[in-house]
């Protein structure tokens, strides 16, 4: 398992913070941006909303990046992650 896969596995295994402890999406994105950018196929990142209207981290993926889609978690530190292919 690569170091990046191990990091994502640990991230997914950790308990999500309670609402009172939740950090802002901007803070979470800043904290994890360098690791997300190391995933092949990640083209962009930003803050937006998920389909339920909640604040989310938006990750733009290259259209041929099925590996990236599988590596990026659906939630990071309690913040939903929306993956969009171009």
Foldseek 3Di string as FASTA:
>chain_A
DDPLLVVLVVQVPDDADDPVPADDQVVQCVVCVVSLVVQPFFDDWDWDADPVRHIAIETEGEQPRPVSVVRDDQDGSRGGYHYHYD
